[in-house]
Amino acid sequence: MFGSIGFSEIMVLFVIALLIFGPRKLPEIARSVGQAMREFKKAGEEVSRSLEEPVEDLRQRIQQTIDFDEERQWRY
């Protein structure tokens, strides 16, 4: 999930954050970071979905054209 960051590095970052922000602010910060990550993931899925729909439509049109050409070829 965190790439090349190991458990010990995460613990060091957690301790530093605890010292800087204190135990009362840390849950609020973690909650807001979680919400930001969730929104970023949702936006990424929307972008990929908006790109996939036109591509799928184009694939269907190409397949219909190929099917139509094959039907015309067999009739002659």
N, C-alpha and C. Protein backbone atom coordinates (compact mmCIF):
# COMPACT_ATOMS: atom_id res chain seq x y z
N MET A 1 0.82 -1.19 0.00
CA MET A 1 0.00 0.00 0.00
C MET A 1 0.86 1.26 0.00
N PHE A 2 1.92 1.26 0.77
CA PHE A 2 2.77 2.44 0.88
C PHE A 2 4.04 2.32 0.05
N GLY A 3 4.09 1.39 -0.87
CA GLY A 3 5.26 1.26 -1.73
C GLY A 3 6.44 0.69 -0.99
N SER A 4 7.54 1.42 -0.94
CA SER A 4 8.76 0.92 -0.33
C SER A 4 8.90 1.34 1.13
N ILE A 5 7.86 1.92 1.72
CA ILE A 5 7.92 2.32 3.13
C ILE A 5 7.60 1.10 3.98
N GLY A 6 8.49 0.78 4.89
CA GLY A 6 8.29 -0.37 5.77
C GLY A 6 7.56 0.00 7.04
N PHE A 7 7.36 -1.00 7.89
CA PHE A 7 6.63 -0.81 9.13
C PHE A 7 7.37 0.14 10.06
N SER A 8 8.68 -0.01 10.14
CA SER A 8 9.45 0.86 11.05
C SER A 8 9.39 2.32 10.61
N GLU A 9 9.43 2.57 9.31
CA GLU A 9 9.33 3.95 8.82
C GLU A 9 7.96 4.55 9.13
N ILE A 10 6.91 3.74 8.99
CA ILE A 10 5.58 4.22 9.31
C ILE A 10 5.48 4.56 10.79
N MET A 11 6.06 3.73 11.64
CA MET A 11 6.02 3.99 13.08
C MET A 11 6.77 5.28 13.43
N VAL A 12 7.91 5.51 12.78
CA VAL A 12 8.67 6.73 13.03
C VAL A 12 7.85 7.95 12.61
N LEU A 13 7.20 7.87 11.46
CA LEU A 13 6.35 8.97 11.00
C LEU A 13 5.19 9.20 11.97
N PHE A 14 4.61 8.12 12.48
CA PHE A 14 3.51 8.24 13.43
C PHE A 14 3.97 8.93 14.72
N VAL A 15 5.14 8.55 15.22
CA VAL A 15 5.66 9.16 16.45
C VAL A 15 5.96 10.64 16.22
N ILE A 16 6.54 10.98 15.08
CA ILE A 16 6.84 12.38 14.77
C ILE A 16 5.54 13.18 14.69
N ALA A 17 4.52 12.61 14.00
CA ALA A 17 3.23 13.30 13.89
C ALA A 17 2.60 13.45 15.27
N LEU A 18 2.74 12.45 16.11
CA LEU A 18 2.18 12.53 17.47
C LEU A 18 2.86 13.63 18.26
N LEU A 19 4.17 13.77 18.10
CA LEU A 19 4.90 14.82 18.81
C LEU A 19 4.55 16.21 18.28
N ILE A 20 4.38 16.33 16.98
CA ILE A 20 4.10 17.64 16.38
C ILE A 20 2.66 18.08 16.65
N PHE A 21 1.71 17.20 16.40
CA PHE A 21 0.30 17.61 16.47
C PHE A 21 -0.37 17.30 17.80
N GLY A 22 0.15 16.37 18.53
CA GLY A 22 -0.45 16.01 19.82
C GLY A 22 -1.53 14.95 19.66
N PRO A 23 -1.88 14.31 20.77
CA PRO A 23 -2.84 13.20 20.70
C PRO A 23 -4.27 13.64 20.39
N ARG A 24 -4.62 14.88 20.62
CA ARG A 24 -5.99 15.33 20.37
C ARG A 24 -6.23 15.66 18.90
N LYS A 25 -5.23 16.22 18.25
CA LYS A 25 -5.40 16.62 16.84
C LYS A 25 -5.17 15.47 15.87
N LEU A 26 -4.41 14.46 16.28
CA LEU A 26 -4.04 13.38 15.38
C LEU A 26 -5.25 12.64 14.79
N PRO A 27 -6.28 12.29 15.57
CA PRO A 27 -7.45 11.63 14.96
C PRO A 27 -8.16 12.50 13.93
N GLU A 28 -8.25 13.79 14.17
CA GLU A 28 -8.87 14.69 13.21
C GLU A 28 -8.08 14.73 11.90
N ILE A 29 -6.79 14.79 12.03
CA ILE A 29 -5.92 14.83 10.84
C ILE A 29 -6.04 13.52 10.07
N ALA A 30 -6.02 12.40 10.78
CA ALA A 30 -6.14 11.11 10.12
C ALA A 30 -7.49 10.99 9.40
N ARG A 31 -8.55 11.47 10.03
CA ARG A 31 -9.87 11.42 9.42
C ARG A 31 -9.92 12.26 8.14
N SER A 32 -9.35 13.46 8.19
CA SER A 32 -9.37 14.31 7.00
C SER A 32 -8.50 13.75 5.88
N VAL A 33 -7.38 13.13 6.24
CA VAL A 33 -6.53 12.49 5.23
C VAL A 33 -7.27 11.32 4.60
N GLY A 34 -7.98 10.54 5.41
CA GLY A 34 -8.76 9.42 4.88
C GLY A 34 -9.86 9.89 3.94
N GLN A 35 -10.54 10.97 4.30
CA GLN A 35 -11.58 11.51 3.42
C GLN A 35 -10.98 12.02 2.11
N ALA A 36 -9.83 12.68 2.19
CA ALA A 36 -9.18 13.18 0.97
C ALA A 36 -8.77 12.03 0.06
N MET A 37 -8.24 10.97 0.64
CA MET A 37 -7.84 9.81 -0.17
C MET A 37 -9.06 9.16 -0.82
N ARG A 38 -10.17 9.06 -0.08
CA ARG A 38 -11.39 8.47 -0.61
C ARG A 38 -11.92 9.32 -1.77
N GLU A 39 -11.92 10.63 -1.62
CA GLU A 39 -12.40 11.51 -2.69
C GLU A 39 -11.48 11.44 -3.91
N PHE A 40 -10.19 11.35 -3.68
CA PHE A 40 -9.23 11.23 -4.79
C PHE A 40 -9.47 9.94 -5.55
N LYS A 41 -9.71 8.86 -4.84
CA LYS A 41 -9.97 7.57 -5.48
C LYS A 41 -11.26 7.63 -6.29
N LYS A 42 -12.30 8.25 -5.71
CA LYS A 42 -13.58 8.38 -6.40
C LYS A 42 -13.42 9.20 -7.68
N ALA A 43 -12.66 10.29 -7.60
CA ALA A 43 -12.44 11.13 -8.79
C ALA A 43 -11.68 10.35 -9.86
N GLY A 44 -10.70 9.57 -9.46
CA GLY A 44 -9.96 8.75 -10.42
C GLY A 44 -10.84 7.73 -11.10
N GLU A 45 -11.75 7.10 -10.34
CA GLU A 45 -12.67 6.14 -10.94
C GLU A 45 -13.63 6.83 -11.92
N GLU A 46 -14.08 8.03 -11.59
CA GLU A 46 -14.97 8.76 -12.49
C GLU A 46 -14.26 9.12 -13.79
N VAL A 47 -13.00 9.52 -13.69
CA VAL A 47 -12.24 9.87 -14.89
C VAL A 47 -12.06 8.63 -15.77
N SER A 48 -11.69 7.51 -15.16
CA SER A 48 -11.48 6.31 -15.97
C SER A 48 -12.80 5.84 -16.58
N ARG A 49 -13.91 5.96 -15.84
CA ARG A 49 -15.21 5.59 -16.37
C ARG A 49 -15.59 6.49 -17.54
N SER A 50 -15.31 7.79 -17.41
CA SER A 50 -15.67 8.72 -18.49
C SER A 50 -14.82 8.48 -19.74
N LEU A 51 -13.63 7.92 -19.56
CA LEU A 51 -12.80 7.59 -20.72
C LEU A 51 -13.17 6.24 -21.32
N GLU A 52 -13.65 5.34 -20.51
CA GLU A 52 -13.99 4.00 -21.00
C GLU A 52 -15.28 4.01 -21.82
N GLU A 53 -16.25 4.85 -21.46
CA GLU A 53 -17.53 4.86 -22.17
C GLU A 53 -17.39 5.20 -23.66
N PRO A 54 -16.67 6.27 -24.03
CA PRO A 54 -16.53 6.54 -25.47
C PRO A 54 -15.75 5.46 -26.21
N VAL A 55 -14.78 4.88 -25.55
CA VAL A 55 -14.00 3.81 -26.19
C VAL A 55 -14.89 2.60 -26.44
N GLU A 56 -15.72 2.25 -25.48
CA GLU A 56 -16.62 1.11 -25.65
C GLU A 56 -17.64 1.39 -26.75
N ASP A 57 -18.14 2.62 -26.82
CA ASP A 57 -19.07 2.99 -27.88
C ASP A 57 -18.41 2.86 -29.25
N LEU A 58 -17.17 3.32 -29.34
CA LEU A 58 -16.43 3.20 -30.60
C LEU A 58 -16.20 1.74 -30.97
N ARG A 59 -15.89 0.90 -29.99
CA ARG A 59 -15.71 -0.54 -30.25
C ARG A 59 -16.98 -1.16 -30.81
N GLN A 60 -18.11 -0.81 -30.21
CA GLN A 60 -19.38 -1.36 -30.68
C GLN A 60 -19.68 -0.92 -32.11
N ARG A 61 -19.42 0.35 -32.41
CA ARG A 61 -19.67 0.83 -33.77
C ARG A 61 -18.77 0.13 -34.79
N ILE A 62 -17.52 -0.06 -34.42
CA ILE A 62 -16.59 -0.77 -35.33
C ILE A 62 -17.06 -2.21 -35.54
N GLN A 63 -17.47 -2.88 -34.45
CA GLN A 63 -17.94 -4.26 -34.56
C GLN A 63 -19.20 -4.34 -35.42
N GLN A 64 -20.11 -3.37 -35.27
CA GLN A 64 -21.31 -3.36 -36.10
C GLN A 64 -20.96 -3.17 -37.57
N THR A 65 -19.98 -2.32 -37.85
CA THR A 65 -19.54 -2.10 -39.22
C THR A 65 -18.93 -3.37 -39.80
N ILE A 66 -18.11 -4.04 -39.01
CA ILE A 66 -17.49 -5.29 -39.47
C ILE A 66 -18.57 -6.34 -39.71
N ASP A 67 -19.53 -6.46 -38.80
CA ASP A 67 -20.61 -7.44 -38.99
C ASP A 67 -21.43 -7.11 -40.23
N PHE A 68 -21.72 -5.83 -40.45
CA PHE A 68 -22.48 -5.42 -41.62
C PHE A 68 -21.73 -5.77 -42.91
N ASP A 69 -20.44 -5.49 -42.95
CA ASP A 69 -19.63 -5.79 -44.13
C ASP A 69 -19.57 -7.29 -44.38
N GLU A 70 -19.48 -8.09 -43.32
CA GLU A 70 -19.43 -9.54 -43.49
C GLU A 70 -20.76 -10.06 -44.02
N GLU A 71 -21.89 -9.50 -43.58
CA GLU A 71 -23.19 -9.92 -44.07
C GLU A 71 -23.34 -9.58 -45.55
N ARG A 72 -22.91 -8.42 -45.94
CA ARG A 72 -23.00 -8.01 -47.35
C ARG A 72 -22.12 -8.88 -48.21
N GLN A 73 -20.99 -9.28 -47.70
CA GLN A 73 -20.05 -10.09 -48.47
C GLN A 73 -20.64 -11.47 -48.73
N TRP A 74 -21.31 -12.04 -47.77
CA TRP A 74 -21.86 -13.38 -47.92
C TRP A 74 -23.09 -13.41 -48.82
N ARG A 75 -23.78 -12.29 -48.95
CA ARG A 75 -24.98 -12.27 -49.78
C ARG A 75 -24.65 -12.33 -51.26
N TYR A 76 -23.51 -11.82 -51.65
CA TYR A 76 -23.16 -11.76 -53.07
C TYR A 76 -22.61 -13.06 -53.57
